[in-house]
């Protein structure tokens, strides 16, 4: 078993329901009725899917705000009240469910006829890291390379390695259920050696850093080491 699976299978029973991500989802899930294609993707029991679906909701809410503004002010020019969600190659992105060129149309006052039904794209493939680096999530960027970036989420006590298609490659669940009194202090500083070892491909240093920084229990650390040694013996 890979260490990632061992950590996932033994993580603490995270209470997703009181998290900021879940509260936002509950308050705004009706917005998804405007974009039914995404509904099969919804799974609030998977916290990374919850993070991702909330990005979609934010995009829909800003699109709805644009439509309301255009109707009420009888204009196609974006007013100061409607802010872009983030910048992408110096272009303001008002709705990442639209392409960069269509967002440029919105910025230049020509986007009033765009619709989620006809013009929506795969926002994760198009904007990938820009989505997760923006204020659309509670993720904190903690490392990466050209292909992937690593993010930490305080509520879920998890490091997510996200690829350049905006999909999840690896989930590193911290503070497993065998830690009686988890210490959440200075966690960003403590995960630095973990991230460094991950990106240098040093599996031994990766496991040891997790244990040394008290991010996983001695129980799980010992279990993994024992299984690893058995695999080596039976080659």
Protein backbone atom coordinates (compact mmCIF):
# COMPACT_ATOMS: atom_id res chain seq x y z
CA UNK A 1 0.00 0.00 0.00
CA UNK A 2 1.30 3.46 -0.87
CA UNK A 3 1.81 5.87 2.00
CA UNK A 4 -0.85 8.18 0.51
CA UNK A 5 -3.46 5.43 0.68
CA UNK A 6 -2.44 4.47 4.20
CA UNK A 7 -2.84 8.07 5.35
CA UNK A 8 -6.16 8.50 3.55
CA UNK A 9 -7.59 5.30 5.00
CA UNK A 10 -6.57 6.30 8.53
CA UNK A 11 -7.24 10.03 8.55
CA UNK A 12 -9.13 11.65 11.33
CA UNK A 13 -12.91 11.78 10.82
CA UNK A 14 -12.84 15.27 9.33
CA UNK A 15 -16.11 17.01 9.93
CA UNK A 16 -16.64 18.38 6.43
CA UNK A 17 -20.04 19.84 7.31
CA UNK A 18 -18.85 22.74 9.53
CA UNK A 19 -15.99 23.67 7.16
CA UNK A 20 -16.00 26.98 5.28
CA UNK A 21 -16.17 25.05 2.02
CA UNK A 22 -19.29 23.15 3.07
CA UNK A 23 -21.06 26.21 4.47
CA UNK A 24 -20.47 28.08 1.20
CA UNK A 25 -21.75 25.08 -0.77
CA UNK A 26 -24.92 24.84 1.30
CA UNK A 27 -25.63 28.54 0.91
CA UNK A 28 -25.18 28.59 -2.86
CA UNK A 29 -25.75 25.10 -4.25
CA UNK A 30 -28.92 26.28 -6.02
CA UNK A 31 -26.67 28.17 -8.43
CA UNK A 32 -25.72 24.82 -9.96
CA UNK A 33 -29.20 24.55 -11.49
CA UNK A 34 -27.93 27.06 -14.10
CA UNK A 35 -25.19 24.66 -15.12
CA UNK A 36 -26.64 21.12 -14.94
CA UNK A 37 -23.68 19.52 -16.76
CA UNK A 38 -21.65 19.79 -13.57
CA UNK A 39 -24.17 18.05 -11.31
CA UNK A 40 -22.73 14.52 -11.77
CA UNK A 41 -19.42 15.93 -10.52
CA UNK A 42 -20.91 17.02 -7.18
CA UNK A 43 -19.78 14.93 -4.23
CA UNK A 44 -19.63 16.84 -0.97
CA UNK A 45 -18.23 13.82 0.87
CA UNK A 46 -15.00 14.19 -1.11
CA UNK A 47 -13.43 17.38 0.15
CA UNK A 48 -11.37 18.06 -2.99
CA UNK A 49 -14.48 17.76 -5.13
CA UNK A 50 -16.17 20.13 -2.71
CA UNK A 51 -13.35 22.64 -3.17
CA UNK A 52 -13.61 22.27 -6.96
CA UNK A 53 -17.39 22.56 -7.14
CA UNK A 54 -17.26 25.73 -5.06
CA UNK A 55 -15.01 27.24 -7.74
CA UNK A 56 -17.74 26.45 -10.27
CA UNK A 57 -20.36 28.03 -8.00
CA UNK A 58 -18.26 31.20 -7.65
CA UNK A 59 -18.02 31.39 -11.45
CA UNK A 60 -21.78 31.02 -11.82
CA UNK A 61 -22.51 33.61 -9.13
CA UNK A 62 -20.27 36.17 -10.82
CA UNK A 63 -21.86 35.43 -14.19
CA UNK A 64 -25.32 35.94 -12.64
CA UNK A 65 -24.14 39.22 -11.11
CA UNK A 66 -22.96 40.37 -14.54
CA UNK A 67 -26.29 39.49 -16.14
CA UNK A 68 -28.21 41.33 -13.43
CA UNK A 69 -25.96 44.37 -13.79
CA UNK A 70 -26.38 44.49 -17.59
CA UNK A 71 -30.16 44.23 -17.25
CA UNK A 72 -30.58 46.80 -14.49
CA UNK A 73 -28.22 49.36 -16.00
CA UNK A 74 -29.19 48.68 -19.64
CA UNK A 75 -25.53 48.44 -20.59
CA UNK A 76 -22.98 45.84 -21.65
CA UNK A 77 -20.10 47.65 -19.97
CA UNK A 78 -18.92 46.05 -16.75
CA UNK A 79 -19.28 48.44 -13.82
CA UNK A 80 -16.95 48.90 -10.90
CA UNK A 81 -19.33 46.88 -8.69
CA UNK A 82 -18.53 43.68 -10.60
CA UNK A 83 -14.96 42.64 -9.96
CA UNK A 84 -12.99 39.99 -11.88
CA UNK A 85 -12.45 36.81 -9.92
CA UNK A 86 -8.74 36.76 -10.83
CA UNK A 87 -6.29 37.82 -13.54
CA UNK A 88 -4.97 35.38 -16.15
CA UNK A 89 -2.13 36.55 -18.39
CA UNK A 90 -3.11 40.12 -17.48
CA UNK A 91 -6.71 39.56 -18.62
CA UNK A 92 -9.52 39.94 -16.05
CA UNK A 93 -11.48 36.72 -15.64
CA UNK A 94 -15.08 37.41 -14.64
CA UNK A 95 -16.37 33.91 -15.28
CA UNK A 96 -13.83 31.08 -15.66
CA UNK A 97 -16.55 28.93 -17.21
CA UNK A 98 -15.81 31.03 -20.31
CA UNK A 99 -12.61 31.08 -22.36
CA UNK A 100 -9.99 33.78 -21.99
CA UNK A 101 -11.15 35.39 -25.26
CA UNK A 102 -14.78 35.48 -24.06
CA UNK A 103 -13.70 37.05 -20.77
CA UNK A 104 -11.86 39.64 -22.83
CA UNK A 105 -15.17 40.31 -24.62
CA UNK A 106 -16.83 40.86 -21.23
CA UNK A 107 -14.06 43.25 -20.17
CA UNK A 108 -14.52 45.22 -23.41
CA UNK A 109 -18.30 45.44 -23.16
CA UNK A 110 -19.21 42.74 -25.68
CA UNK A 111 -20.06 39.77 -23.49
CA UNK A 112 -23.76 40.26 -22.81
CA UNK A 113 -24.83 37.46 -25.18
CA UNK A 114 -22.60 34.78 -23.65
CA UNK A 115 -24.45 31.90 -22.01
CA UNK A 116 -23.47 28.98 -19.80
CA UNK A 117 -25.46 26.68 -22.08
CA UNK A 118 -23.57 27.50 -25.28
CA UNK A 119 -20.22 28.93 -24.23
CA UNK A 120 -19.05 27.05 -21.12
CA UNK A 121 -15.64 25.35 -21.18
CA UNK A 122 -13.61 23.02 -18.96
CA UNK A 123 -12.44 25.72 -16.55
CA UNK A 124 -9.98 23.45 -14.73
CA UNK A 125 -8.08 22.50 -17.87
CA UNK A 126 -8.01 26.09 -19.12
CA UNK A 127 -7.15 28.00 -15.94
CA UNK A 128 -5.76 25.17 -13.76
CA UNK A 129 -3.35 26.70 -11.20
CA UNK A 130 -4.82 30.21 -11.52
CA UNK A 131 -8.07 28.93 -10.02
CA UNK A 132 -6.41 27.42 -6.97
CA UNK A 133 -4.04 30.37 -6.51
CA UNK A 134 -6.97 32.81 -6.45
CA UNK A 135 -9.36 33.74 -3.64
CA UNK A 136 -11.86 31.18 -4.96
CA UNK A 137 -10.59 28.61 -2.46
CA UNK A 138 -9.08 28.47 1.03
CA UNK A 139 -6.02 26.64 -0.29
CA UNK A 140 -2.52 27.87 0.52
CA UNK A 141 0.20 27.35 -2.07
CA UNK A 142 3.15 25.55 -0.46
CA UNK A 143 5.34 24.34 -3.35
CA UNK A 144 5.47 22.83 -6.81
CA UNK A 145 7.23 22.41 -10.14
CA UNK A 146 6.30 22.97 -13.81
CA UNK A 147 3.79 20.11 -13.88
CA UNK A 148 2.15 20.30 -10.44
CA UNK A 149 1.59 22.56 -7.48
CA UNK A 150 1.12 21.68 -3.82
CA UNK A 151 -1.57 23.33 -1.67
CA UNK A 152 -2.53 22.99 1.97
CA UNK A 153 -6.06 23.30 3.35
CA UNK A 154 -6.32 24.20 7.03
CA UNK A 155 -9.84 22.84 7.57
CA UNK A 156 -9.13 19.47 5.97
CA UNK A 157 -5.51 19.13 7.22
CA UNK A 158 -4.49 17.89 3.81
CA UNK A 159 -1.86 18.65 1.17
CA UNK A 160 -3.21 18.45 -2.38
CA UNK A 161 -0.86 17.96 -5.33
CA UNK A 162 -2.72 19.40 -8.34
CA UNK A 163 -1.58 18.90 -11.94
CA UNK A 164 -1.56 21.37 -14.81
CA UNK A 165 -4.96 20.12 -15.99
CA UNK A 166 -6.43 21.28 -12.71
CA UNK A 167 -6.95 17.74 -11.44
CA UNK A 168 -5.85 16.09 -8.22
CA UNK A 169 -2.73 13.92 -8.52
CA UNK A 170 -1.98 13.13 -4.87
CA UNK A 171 -3.75 13.68 -1.57
CA UNK A 172 -1.52 13.71 1.52
CA UNK A 173 -3.74 13.45 4.60
CA UNK A 174 -2.08 14.68 7.79
CA UNK A 175 -2.80 14.23 11.52
CA UNK A 176 -4.16 10.68 11.31
CA UNK A 177 -6.61 9.16 13.79
CA UNK A 178 -3.84 7.62 15.91
CA UNK A 179 -2.55 11.02 17.01
CA UNK A 180 -4.26 11.61 20.35
CA UNK A 181 -3.56 15.32 20.60
CA UNK A 182 -2.64 16.72 17.19
CA UNK A 183 -0.50 19.84 17.16
CA UNK A 184 -1.72 22.16 14.39
CA UNK A 185 0.70 24.98 15.20
CA UNK A 186 3.12 26.30 12.55
CA UNK A 187 1.93 23.65 10.14
CA UNK A 188 3.08 25.48 7.00
CA UNK A 189 6.63 25.61 8.33
CA UNK A 190 6.50 21.97 9.36
CA UNK A 191 5.36 20.71 5.96
CA UNK A 192 8.25 22.41 4.11
CA UNK A 193 10.63 19.42 4.42
CA UNK A 194 7.77 17.11 3.42
CA UNK A 195 7.11 19.09 0.24
CA UNK A 196 10.83 19.33 -0.51
CA UNK A 197 11.26 15.56 -0.20
CA UNK A 198 8.16 14.93 -2.35
CA UNK A 199 9.45 17.07 -5.20
CA UNK A 200 12.97 15.62 -5.09
CA UNK A 201 11.47 12.13 -5.21
CA UNK A 202 13.09 11.10 -1.93
CA UNK A 203 10.50 8.71 -0.50
CA UNK A 204 12.56 7.92 2.61
CA UNK A 205 13.01 11.58 3.51
CA UNK A 206 9.32 12.16 2.75
CA UNK A 207 8.16 9.52 5.24
CA UNK A 208 10.70 10.53 7.86
CA UNK A 209 9.74 14.21 7.57
CA UNK A 210 6.08 13.41 8.09
CA UNK A 211 6.94 11.54 11.26
CA UNK A 212 9.61 13.93 12.56
CA UNK A 213 7.29 16.93 12.21
CA UNK A 214 4.52 15.01 14.02
CA UNK A 215 2.26 15.18 10.98
CA UNK A 216 1.59 11.44 11.17
CA UNK A 217 1.54 9.11 14.14
CA UNK A 218 4.33 6.78 15.22
CA UNK A 219 1.79 3.97 14.83
CA UNK A 220 1.24 4.61 11.10
CA UNK A 221 4.91 5.36 10.52
CA UNK A 222 5.89 1.99 12.06
CA UNK A 223 3.20 0.14 10.10
CA UNK A 224 4.43 1.59 6.83
CA UNK A 225 8.10 0.87 7.60
CA UNK A 226 7.28 -2.74 8.51
CA UNK A 227 5.31 -3.29 5.29
CA UNK A 228 8.04 -1.62 3.27
CA UNK A 229 10.68 -3.94 4.76
CA UNK A 230 8.54 -7.00 4.05
CA UNK A 231 8.18 -5.95 0.43
CA UNK A 232 11.95 -5.58 0.16
CA UNK A 233 12.55 -9.02 1.70
CA UNK A 234 10.13 -10.71 -0.67
CA UNK A 235 11.41 -8.54 -3.53
